[in-house]
C-alpha atoms as a PDB file:
ATOM      1  CA  MET A   1     103.358 112.729 130.720  1.00  0.00           C
ATOM      2  CA  THR A   2     101.403 111.001 127.251  1.00  0.00           C
ATOM      3  CA  ARG A   3     104.029 110.757 124.707  1.00  0.00           C
ATOM      4  CA  VAL A   4     102.670 111.064 120.936  1.00  0.00           C
ATOM      5  CA  LEU A   5     103.882 109.477 116.911  1.00  0.00           C
ATOM      6  CA  LEU A   6     101.351 111.296 114.871  1.00  0.00           C
ATOM      7  CA  VAL A   7     101.268 109.012 111.124  1.00  0.00           C
ATOM      8  CA  ASP A   8     100.241 110.686 108.552  1.00  0.00           C
ATOM      9  CA  ASP A   9     100.710 111.514 105.467  1.00  0.00           C
ATOM     10  CA  GLN A  10      99.991 115.447 104.874  1.00  0.00           C
ATOM     11  CA  SER A  11     102.144 116.757 106.681  1.00  0.00           C
ATOM     12  CA  SER A  12      99.650 120.068 106.926  1.00  0.00           C
ATOM     13  CA  PHE A  13      97.791 117.683 109.324  1.00  0.00           C
ATOM     14  CA  ARG A  14     100.270 117.072 111.399  1.00  0.00           C
ATOM     15  CA  ARG A  15     100.971 120.303 111.794  1.00  0.00           C
ATOM     16  CA  GLN A  16      97.317 121.019 112.876  1.00  0.00           C
ATOM     17  CA  LEU A  17      96.975 118.108 114.888  1.00  0.00           C
ATOM     18  CA  ARG A  18     100.255 118.542 116.844  1.00  0.00           C
ATOM     19  CA  ARG A  19      98.924 122.513 117.493  1.00  0.00           C
ATOM     20  CA  LEU A  20      96.287 120.951 118.831  1.00  0.00           C
ATOM     21  CA  LEU A  21      97.577 117.984 121.190  1.00  0.00           C
ATOM     22  CA  ALA A  22     100.097 120.467 122.729  1.00  0.00           C
ATOM     23  CA  TYR A  23      97.981 122.356 123.064  1.00  0.00           C
ATOM     24  CA  ALA A  24      95.780 119.868 125.081  1.00  0.00           C
ATOM     25  CA  GLY A  25      98.369 119.091 127.351  1.00  0.00           C
ATOM     26  CA  LEU A  26     100.188 116.077 125.337  1.00  0.00           C
ATOM     27  CA  THR A  27     103.488 115.845 123.979  1.00  0.00           C
ATOM     28  CA  VAL A  28     103.961 114.539 120.238  1.00  0.00           C
ATOM     29  CA  VAL A  29     107.282 113.353 120.187  1.00  0.00           C
ATOM     30  CA  GLY A  30     107.050 111.715 116.760  1.00  0.00           C
ATOM     31  CA  GLU A  31     105.846 111.756 112.487  1.00  0.00           C
ATOM     32  CA  ALA A  32     105.489 109.250 109.921  1.00  0.00           C
ATOM     33  CA  GLY A  33     104.261 109.840 106.638  1.00  0.00           C
ATOM     34  CA  ASP A  34     104.078 106.115 106.215  1.00  0.00           C
ATOM     35  CA  ILE A  35     103.524 102.927 108.343  1.00  0.00           C
ATOM     36  CA  ALA A  36     107.076 101.585 107.691  1.00  0.00           C
ATOM     37  CA  GLU A  37     108.758 105.022 109.359  1.00  0.00           C
ATOM     38  CA  ALA A  38     106.139 104.778 111.845  1.00  0.00           C
ATOM     39  CA  GLU A  39     107.509 101.624 113.510  1.00  0.00           C
ATOM     40  CA  ALA A  40     110.915 102.842 113.524  1.00  0.00           C
ATOM     41  CA  GLN A  41     109.472 105.846 115.306  1.00  0.00           C
ATOM     42  CA  VAL A  42     107.969 103.632 118.017  1.00  0.00           C
ATOM     43  CA  GLN A  43     110.739 101.078 117.991  1.00  0.00           C
ATOM     44  CA  ALA A  44     112.739 105.034 119.066  1.00  0.00           C
ATOM     45  CA  LEU A  45     110.572 106.732 121.364  1.00  0.00           C
ATOM     46  CA  GLN A  46     108.062 104.807 122.495  1.00  0.00           C
ATOM     47  CA  PRO A  47     105.540 106.951 122.092  1.00  0.00           C
ATOM     48  CA  ASP A  48     102.573 105.830 124.926  1.00  0.00           C
ATOM     49  CA  LEU A  49      99.560 106.726 122.284  1.00  0.00           C
ATOM     50  CA  ALA A  50      99.717 107.158 117.798  1.00  0.00           C
ATOM     51  CA  VAL A  51      97.068 109.164 116.052  1.00  0.00           C
ATOM     52  CA  VAL A  52      96.295 106.880 112.515  1.00  0.00           C
ATOM     53  CA  ASP A  53      95.766 108.148 109.489  1.00  0.00           C
ATOM     54  CA  VAL A  54      93.040 105.379 107.613  1.00  0.00           C
ATOM     55  CA  MET A  55      93.946 105.894 104.584  1.00  0.00           C
ATOM     56  CA  LEU A  56      97.912 106.238 104.055  1.00  0.00           C
ATOM     57  CA  PRO A  57      99.988 105.245 101.168  1.00  0.00           C
ATOM     58  CA  GLY A  58     101.038 101.561 100.611  1.00  0.00           C
ATOM     59  CA  VAL A  59      99.884 100.143 104.177  1.00  0.00           C
ATOM     60  CA  ASN A  60      97.236 102.066 105.314  1.00  0.00           C
ATOM     61  CA  GLY A  61      95.739 102.958 109.496  1.00  0.00           C
ATOM     62  CA  LEU A  62      93.501  99.316 109.303  1.00  0.00           C
ATOM     63  CA  GLU A  63      96.722  97.114 108.794  1.00  0.00           C
ATOM     64  CA  GLY A  64      99.399  99.733 110.162  1.00  0.00           C
ATOM     65  CA  THR A  65      97.906  99.206 113.882  1.00  0.00           C
ATOM     66  CA  SER A  66      98.077  95.357 114.461  1.00  0.00           C
ATOM     67  CA  ARG A  67     101.844  96.135 113.145  1.00  0.00           C
ATOM     68  CA  LEU A  68     102.116  98.681 115.469  1.00  0.00           C
ATOM     69  CA  LYS A  69     100.978  97.034 118.757  1.00  0.00           C
ATOM     70  CA  ALA A  70     102.944  94.131 117.676  1.00  0.00           C
ATOM     71  CA  LEU A  71     105.968  95.936 117.858  1.00  0.00           C
ATOM     72  CA  ALA A  72     105.157  97.845 121.293  1.00  0.00           C
ATOM     73  CA  PRO A  73     101.710  95.641 123.036  1.00  0.00           C
ATOM     74  CA  GLY A  74     101.177  98.460 126.230  1.00  0.00           C
ATOM     75  CA  LEU A  75     100.693 101.815 123.262  1.00  0.00           C
ATOM     76  CA  ARG A  76      97.372 102.657 122.432  1.00  0.00           C
ATOM     77  CA  VAL A  77      95.980 103.574 118.587  1.00  0.00           C
ATOM     78  CA  ILE A  78      93.885 106.430 117.215  1.00  0.00           C
ATOM     79  CA  LEU A  79      93.266 105.433 113.645  1.00  0.00           C
ATOM     80  CA  VAL A  80      91.968 108.766 112.233  1.00  0.00           C
ATOM     81  CA  SER A  81      90.506 109.300 108.436  1.00  0.00           C
ATOM     82  CA  ALA A  82      88.630 112.367 106.863  1.00  0.00           C
ATOM     83  CA  TYR A  83      85.850 110.201 105.045  1.00  0.00           C
ATOM     84  CA  ALA A  84      83.895 110.709 108.225  1.00  0.00           C
ATOM     85  CA  ASP A  85      80.746 109.387 105.593  1.00  0.00           C
ATOM     86  CA  ARG A  86      82.714 105.944 107.019  1.00  0.00           C
ATOM     87  CA  GLY A  87      82.838 106.221 110.035  1.00  0.00           C
ATOM     88  CA  ASP A  88      80.464 102.995 111.470  1.00  0.00           C
ATOM     89  CA  LEU A  89      82.589 101.027 108.468  1.00  0.00           C
ATOM     90  CA  PHE A  90      86.034 102.439 110.244  1.00  0.00           C
ATOM     91  CA  ARG A  91      85.249 102.623 114.115  1.00  0.00           C
ATOM     92  CA  ALA A  92      84.033  98.667 112.958  1.00  0.00           C
ATOM     93  CA  ALA A  93      87.880  98.187 110.938  1.00  0.00           C
ATOM     94  CA  ALA A  94      89.278 100.179 113.503  1.00  0.00           C
ATOM     95  CA  GLN A  95      88.439  97.890 117.129  1.00  0.00           C
ATOM     96  CA  ALA A  96      88.808  93.870 114.618  1.00  0.00           C
ATOM     97  CA  ALA A  97      92.355  96.013 114.280  1.00  0.00           C
ATOM     98  CA  GLY A  98      93.324  96.600 117.928  1.00  0.00           C
ATOM     99  CA  ALA A  99      92.138 100.471 118.144  1.00  0.00           C
ATOM    100  CA  GLU A 100      91.480 102.360 120.633  1.00  0.00           C
ATOM    101  CA  ALA A 101      89.287 104.523 118.669  1.00  0.00           C
ATOM    102  CA  PHE A 102      88.106 105.681 115.578  1.00  0.00           C
ATOM    103  CA  VAL A 103      88.075 109.299 114.742  1.00  0.00           C
ATOM    104  CA  ALA A 104      86.495 111.322 112.278  1.00  0.00           C
ATOM    105  CA  LYS A 105      89.424 114.602 111.387  1.00  0.00           C
ATOM    106  CA  ASP A 106      86.130 117.036 111.909  1.00  0.00           C
ATOM    107  CA  ASP A 107      86.007 116.388 115.490  1.00  0.00           C
ATOM    108  CA  LEU A 108      88.955 116.612 116.408  1.00  0.00           C
ATOM    109  CA  ASP A 109      88.952 119.050 119.076  1.00  0.00           C
ATOM    110  CA  VAL A 110      90.466 119.898 122.522  1.00  0.00           C
ATOM    111  CA  GLY A 111      87.638 117.997 124.079  1.00  0.00           C
ATOM    112  CA  VAL A 112      88.525 114.269 122.365  1.00  0.00           C
ATOM    113  CA  VAL A 113      91.939 114.695 122.341  1.00  0.00           C
ATOM    114  CA  SER A 114      92.240 115.629 126.237  1.00  0.00           C
ATOM    115  CA  ALA A 115      90.250 112.619 126.896  1.00  0.00           C
ATOM    116  CA  TRP A 116      93.602 110.461 125.544  1.00  0.00           C
ATOM    117  CA  ARG A 117      96.225 111.863 128.508  1.00  0.00           C
ATOM    118  CA  SER A 118      97.095 108.677 130.363  1.00  0.00           C
END
């Protein structure tokens, strides 16, 4: 069973994504509103996957990806953003940061998140 940490400063988006992930058979083990909180959650909960918003307050998701992976080298990170028009830029930056993928929030559906199961 894939254990997921959600990192997004919008609680409404986290609730929506939590339901989608549960429907797809993934288990959300924690939520964080910023990278500092996510770092503590990664250490405490040891998730398999973190779904991280690119645009976070303080440390952004791109920089946060490398910080989270430094704490848990086997952690898979998927970066997401509401800014679909910047997708090409975010995909390249996500790869450079060590994330597995970038997905626009509007593109998240059961088929996409089902592929995240390990």
